[in-house]
Every structure is written in structure tokens, then in C-alpha cells.
Amino acid sequence: MNMTSSRQHPFTCPNCSKKYQVTLYEVINIGTHPDLHDDLFAGKINTTTCPSCSEATFVEEPLTYYDPRLEYCVHYVPAASLEDPTLEVFEQFDEQGRVELSDKRLPAYIPGNHVVFDVQELLTYIFFRRKLAEFYPILRKRKKVM
């Protein structure tokens, strides 16, 4: 149930048009794969280097990140995908703008998710949730002292 998943995607280098397969993460569970947190912040997740011209590129595909310890989930949807005239990207959302994640087999404690449309926003939200988790135990201790 609490899984990290990746799969092969076709990719065309934006620099030289070379076509090749890349492995992209679709779901990251840092409870079972904590090293992927650092890889994400280091720009190693869903990034590829062209075997022909050596161009490094971030591949803009949806990515779900969740932290079972802090019990939150954030879903990255590339903003450019919202411009698709077929509107297929919107099939993953409910009417409140949450992404339907039941097919990703996420834990039941994650009733909703936070949706972001930019990779930097994804990283900022993850950073925010970690800082928030640090802050609240400190706040509770302060309130007990007062």
C-alpha cells in the first residue's frame, strides 16, 4: 500500500530531438524511501541527461509526494498541462480541485492532498510542512511553561 513507484516514459530531448526512454517517479513515499527526499531537493528526481547531446532536462510529469510520518500528501501537476485543449488533465481532479489518488494506493489517513503547479512550489510546500512539524512541538512546550 505505502509505495513508491516509477515507470518508463518516452522522451524527446528539447535540445537535439533525440528520442529515448526515461525512468520517472510517479509516487514518492519518503517513509519507505527517505533518500528520495534529498534526491528531490538535489534535482535528481525526474531529471534526465540526453545520451546524444548531454543536455540535462527536468521532465514535467505529474508527481505525488507523501510523508507518512507527518501525514500529508502534495501532488505536482505541470502548469503547462492545464493548457491541453483535450482537457484530459482535468479528469484527475474532483470538483474541489483535489487530485483523485485512490489509484495510487495511498494510506487512508490522506483524505486530500495539496496540489501545486510548479516544481519550486512543490519543494517550498515540502519545506513548509517539515518546518511546521518542528514548530508545533516547540509551541506546545511554550504554552505549558506559560
C-alpha atoms as a PDB file:
ATOM      1  CA  MET A   1       0.000   0.000   0.000  1.00  0.00           C
ATOM      2  CA  ASN A   2       2.628   2.576   1.018  1.00  0.00           C
ATOM      3  CA  MET A   3       4.590   2.503  -2.170  1.00  0.00           C
ATOM      4  CA  THR A   4       6.974   4.468  -4.280  1.00  0.00           C
ATOM      5  CA  SER A   5       6.525   3.934  -7.988  1.00  0.00           C
ATOM      6  CA  SER A   6       8.307   4.829 -11.185  1.00  0.00           C
ATOM      7  CA  ARG A   7       7.905   3.837 -14.812  1.00  0.00           C
ATOM      8  CA  GLN A   8       9.452   4.287 -18.231  1.00  0.00           C
ATOM      9  CA  HIS A   9       8.291   7.252 -20.345  1.00  0.00           C
ATOM     10  CA  PRO A  10       9.177   8.186 -23.908  1.00  0.00           C
ATOM     11  CA  PHE A  11      11.091  11.450 -24.041  1.00  0.00           C
ATOM     12  CA  THR A  12      12.380  13.722 -26.799  1.00  0.00           C
ATOM     13  CA  CYS A  13      15.372  15.906 -25.978  1.00  0.00           C
ATOM     14  CA  PRO A  14      14.365  19.563 -26.326  1.00  0.00           C
ATOM     15  CA  ASN A  15      17.898  20.401 -27.494  1.00  0.00           C
ATOM     16  CA  CYS A  16      18.687  17.796 -30.188  1.00  0.00           C
ATOM     17  CA  SER A  17      15.332  15.949 -30.652  1.00  0.00           C
ATOM     18  CA  LYS A  18      16.854  12.566 -29.741  1.00  0.00           C
ATOM     19  CA  LYS A  19      14.111  10.155 -28.634  1.00  0.00           C
ATOM     20  CA  TYR A  20      14.786   7.828 -25.719  1.00  0.00           C
ATOM     21  CA  GLN A  21      13.167   6.276 -22.628  1.00  0.00           C
ATOM     22  CA  VAL A  22      13.487   7.838 -19.188  1.00  0.00           C
ATOM     23  CA  THR A  23      12.549   6.462 -15.778  1.00  0.00           C
ATOM     24  CA  LEU A  24      10.267   8.891 -13.958  1.00  0.00           C
ATOM     25  CA  TYR A  25       8.855   8.738 -10.467  1.00  0.00           C
ATOM     26  CA  GLU A  26       5.087   8.969 -10.213  1.00  0.00           C
ATOM     27  CA  VAL A  27       4.789   8.488  -6.434  1.00  0.00           C
ATOM     28  CA  ILE A  28       7.403   9.089  -3.746  1.00  0.00           C
ATOM     29  CA  ASN A  29       6.841   7.706  -0.249  1.00  0.00           C
ATOM     30  CA  ILE A  30       9.603   9.103   1.916  1.00  0.00           C
ATOM     31  CA  GLY A  31       8.576   6.805   4.739  1.00  0.00           C
ATOM     32  CA  THR A  32       9.915   3.816   2.831  1.00  0.00           C
ATOM     33  CA  HIS A  33      12.424   5.722   0.657  1.00  0.00           C
ATOM     34  CA  PRO A  34      13.753   8.641   2.759  1.00  0.00           C
ATOM     35  CA  ASP A  35      16.756   9.089   0.444  1.00  0.00           C
ATOM     36  CA  LEU A  36      14.386  10.277  -2.294  1.00  0.00           C
ATOM     37  CA  HIS A  37      13.630  13.423  -0.268  1.00  0.00           C
ATOM     38  CA  ASP A  38      17.239  14.570  -0.611  1.00  0.00           C
ATOM     39  CA  ASP A  39      17.330  13.453  -4.256  1.00  0.00           C
ATOM     40  CA  LEU A  40      14.249  15.576  -4.981  1.00  0.00           C
ATOM     41  CA  PHE A  41      15.805  18.657  -3.375  1.00  0.00           C
ATOM     42  CA  ALA A  42      19.088  17.991  -5.222  1.00  0.00           C
ATOM     43  CA  GLY A  43      17.269  17.986  -8.582  1.00  0.00           C
ATOM     44  CA  LYS A  44      17.895  14.282  -9.215  1.00  0.00           C
ATOM     45  CA  ILE A  45      14.242  13.187  -9.441  1.00  0.00           C
ATOM     46  CA  ASN A  46      12.616  13.163 -12.894  1.00  0.00           C
ATOM     47  CA  THR A  47      15.672  14.757 -14.457  1.00  0.00           C
ATOM     48  CA  THR A  48      17.384  13.227 -17.457  1.00  0.00           C
ATOM     49  CA  THR A  49      20.587  13.789 -19.390  1.00  0.00           C
ATOM     50  CA  CYS A  50      20.375  13.228 -23.125  1.00  0.00           C
ATOM     51  CA  PRO A  51      22.647  10.371 -24.270  1.00  0.00           C
ATOM     52  CA  SER A  52      23.267  12.209 -27.526  1.00  0.00           C
ATOM     53  CA  CYS A  53      23.974  15.848 -26.593  1.00  0.00           C
ATOM     54  CA  SER A  54      24.284  15.677 -22.756  1.00  0.00           C
ATOM     55  CA  GLU A  55      21.509  18.261 -22.239  1.00  0.00           C
ATOM     56  CA  ALA A  56      20.101  17.962 -18.692  1.00  0.00           C
ATOM     57  CA  THR A  57      16.334  18.430 -18.506  1.00  0.00           C
ATOM     58  CA  PHE A  58      13.676  18.251 -15.827  1.00  0.00           C
ATOM     59  CA  VAL A  59      10.811  16.184 -17.255  1.00  0.00           C
ATOM     60  CA  GLU A  60       7.496  17.811 -16.434  1.00  0.00           C
ATOM     61  CA  GLU A  61       5.239  14.914 -15.488  1.00  0.00           C
ATOM     62  CA  PRO A  62       2.862  14.659 -12.506  1.00  0.00           C
ATOM     63  CA  LEU A  63       4.451  13.580  -9.232  1.00  0.00           C
ATOM     64  CA  THR A  64       2.855  12.654  -5.904  1.00  0.00           C
ATOM     65  CA  TYR A  65       4.985  13.027  -2.769  1.00  0.00           C
ATOM     66  CA  TYR A  66       3.836  11.878   0.622  1.00  0.00           C
ATOM     67  CA  ASP A  67       5.195  11.707   4.109  1.00  0.00           C
ATOM     68  CA  PRO A  68       3.537   9.079   6.312  1.00  0.00           C
ATOM     69  CA  ARG A  69       5.216  10.379   9.475  1.00  0.00           C
ATOM     70  CA  LEU A  70       3.796  13.888   9.038  1.00  0.00           C
ATOM     71  CA  GLU A  71       0.663  12.561   7.310  1.00  0.00           C
ATOM     72  CA  TYR A  72       0.490  14.829   4.296  1.00  0.00           C
ATOM     73  CA  CYS A  73       0.478  14.495   0.552  1.00  0.00           C
ATOM     74  CA  VAL A  74       1.350  17.003  -2.170  1.00  0.00           C
ATOM     75  CA  HIS A  75       0.686  16.462  -5.857  1.00  0.00           C
ATOM     76  CA  TYR A  76       2.630  18.277  -8.596  1.00  0.00           C
ATOM     77  CA  VAL A  77       0.779  18.913 -11.856  1.00  0.00           C
ATOM     78  CA  PRO A  78       2.830  20.708 -14.550  1.00  0.00           C
ATOM     79  CA  ALA A  79       1.156  24.065 -15.236  1.00  0.00           C
ATOM     80  CA  ALA A  80       1.652  23.614 -18.990  1.00  0.00           C
ATOM     81  CA  SER A  81      -0.592  20.539 -18.909  1.00  0.00           C
ATOM     82  CA  LEU A  82      -3.541  22.769 -17.939  1.00  0.00           C
ATOM     83  CA  GLU A  83      -3.399  24.264 -21.448  1.00  0.00           C
ATOM     84  CA  ASP A  84      -4.181  20.908 -23.109  1.00  0.00           C
ATOM     85  CA  PRO A  85      -7.236  21.549 -25.347  1.00  0.00           C
ATOM     86  CA  THR A  86      -8.492  17.973 -24.767  1.00  0.00           C
ATOM     87  CA  LEU A  87      -8.934  18.803 -21.064  1.00  0.00           C
ATOM     88  CA  GLU A  88      -7.698  15.288 -20.147  1.00  0.00           C
ATOM     89  CA  VAL A  89      -5.583  16.674 -17.313  1.00  0.00           C
ATOM     90  CA  PHE A  90      -8.756  17.772 -15.534  1.00  0.00           C
ATOM     91  CA  GLU A  91     -10.007  14.180 -15.286  1.00  0.00           C
ATOM     92  CA  GLN A  92      -7.657  13.625 -12.345  1.00  0.00           C
ATOM     93  CA  PHE A  93      -9.323  16.401 -10.291  1.00  0.00           C
ATOM     94  CA  ASP A  94     -12.562  16.399  -8.353  1.00  0.00           C
ATOM     95  CA  GLU A  95     -14.806  19.479  -8.345  1.00  0.00           C
ATOM     96  CA  GLN A  96     -12.917  20.953  -5.363  1.00  0.00           C
ATOM     97  CA  GLY A  97      -9.610  20.797  -7.231  1.00  0.00           C
ATOM     98  CA  ARG A  98      -8.194  17.835  -5.323  1.00  0.00           C
ATOM     99  CA  VAL A  99      -6.453  15.071  -7.235  1.00  0.00           C
ATOM    100  CA  GLU A 100      -8.100  11.658  -7.051  1.00  0.00           C
ATOM    101  CA  LEU A 101      -5.307   9.478  -5.675  1.00  0.00           C
ATOM    102  CA  SER A 102      -7.117   6.202  -4.958  1.00  0.00           C
ATOM    103  CA  ASP A 103      -5.394   4.552  -7.928  1.00  0.00           C
ATOM    104  CA  LYS A 104      -2.034   5.396  -6.333  1.00  0.00           C
ATOM    105  CA  ARG A 105      -2.907   3.263  -3.277  1.00  0.00           C
ATOM    106  CA  LEU A 106      -2.155   5.929  -0.698  1.00  0.00           C
ATOM    107  CA  PRO A 107      -2.875   5.406   3.001  1.00  0.00           C
ATOM    108  CA  ALA A 108      -6.392   6.099   4.282  1.00  0.00           C
ATOM    109  CA  TYR A 109      -5.159   8.914   6.551  1.00  0.00           C
ATOM    110  CA  ILE A 110      -4.582  11.048   3.472  1.00  0.00           C
ATOM    111  CA  PRO A 111      -8.133  12.186   2.672  1.00  0.00           C
ATOM    112  CA  GLY A 112      -6.996  15.040   0.463  1.00  0.00           C
ATOM    113  CA  ASN A 113      -3.894  16.479  -0.989  1.00  0.00           C
ATOM    114  CA  HIS A 114      -2.281  19.778  -1.720  1.00  0.00           C
ATOM    115  CA  VAL A 115      -1.913  20.493  -5.449  1.00  0.00           C
ATOM    116  CA  VAL A 116       0.962  22.576  -6.838  1.00  0.00           C
ATOM    117  CA  PHE A 117       1.742  23.586 -10.415  1.00  0.00           C
ATOM    118  CA  ASP A 118       5.443  24.399 -10.210  1.00  0.00           C
ATOM    119  CA  VAL A 119       8.396  22.311  -9.028  1.00  0.00           C
ATOM    120  CA  GLN A 120       9.695  25.123  -6.829  1.00  0.00           C
ATOM    121  CA  GLU A 121       6.244  25.329  -5.250  1.00  0.00           C
ATOM    122  CA  LEU A 122       6.430  21.576  -4.585  1.00  0.00           C
ATOM    123  CA  LEU A 123       9.775  21.974  -2.829  1.00  0.00           C
ATOM    124  CA  THR A 124       8.568  25.010  -0.879  1.00  0.00           C
ATOM    125  CA  TYR A 125       5.479  23.169   0.345  1.00  0.00           C
ATOM    126  CA  ILE A 126       7.532  20.163   1.497  1.00  0.00           C
ATOM    127  CA  PHE A 127       9.948  22.510   3.285  1.00  0.00           C
ATOM    128  CA  PHE A 128       6.995  24.338   4.887  1.00  0.00           C
ATOM    129  CA  ARG A 129       5.439  21.105   6.200  1.00  0.00           C
ATOM    130  CA  ARG A 130       8.739  19.994   7.739  1.00  0.00           C
ATOM    131  CA  LYS A 131       9.232  23.378   9.429  1.00  0.00           C
ATOM    132  CA  LEU A 132       5.630  23.312  10.652  1.00  0.00           C
ATOM    133  CA  ALA A 133       6.241  19.895  12.216  1.00  0.00           C
ATOM    134  CA  GLU A 134       9.270  21.323  14.026  1.00  0.00           C
ATOM    135  CA  PHE A 135       7.376  24.404  15.194  1.00  0.00           C
ATOM    136  CA  TYR A 136       4.330  22.828  16.834  1.00  0.00           C
ATOM    137  CA  PRO A 137       6.173  20.752  19.472  1.00  0.00           C
ATOM    138  CA  ILE A 138       8.094  23.927  20.425  1.00  0.00           C
ATOM    139  CA  LEU A 139       4.830  25.891  20.610  1.00  0.00           C
ATOM    140  CA  ARG A 140       3.215  23.254  22.863  1.00  0.00           C
ATOM    141  CA  LYS A 141       6.211  23.391  25.234  1.00  0.00           C
ATOM    142  CA  ARG A 142       5.977  27.215  25.366  1.00  0.00           C
ATOM    143  CA  LYS A 143       2.268  27.068  26.219  1.00  0.00           C
ATOM    144  CA  LYS A 144       2.931  24.607  29.077  1.00  0.00           C
ATOM    145  CA  VAL A 145       5.540  26.964  30.580  1.00  0.00           C
ATOM    146  CA  MET A 146       3.226  29.994  30.482  1.00  0.00           C
END
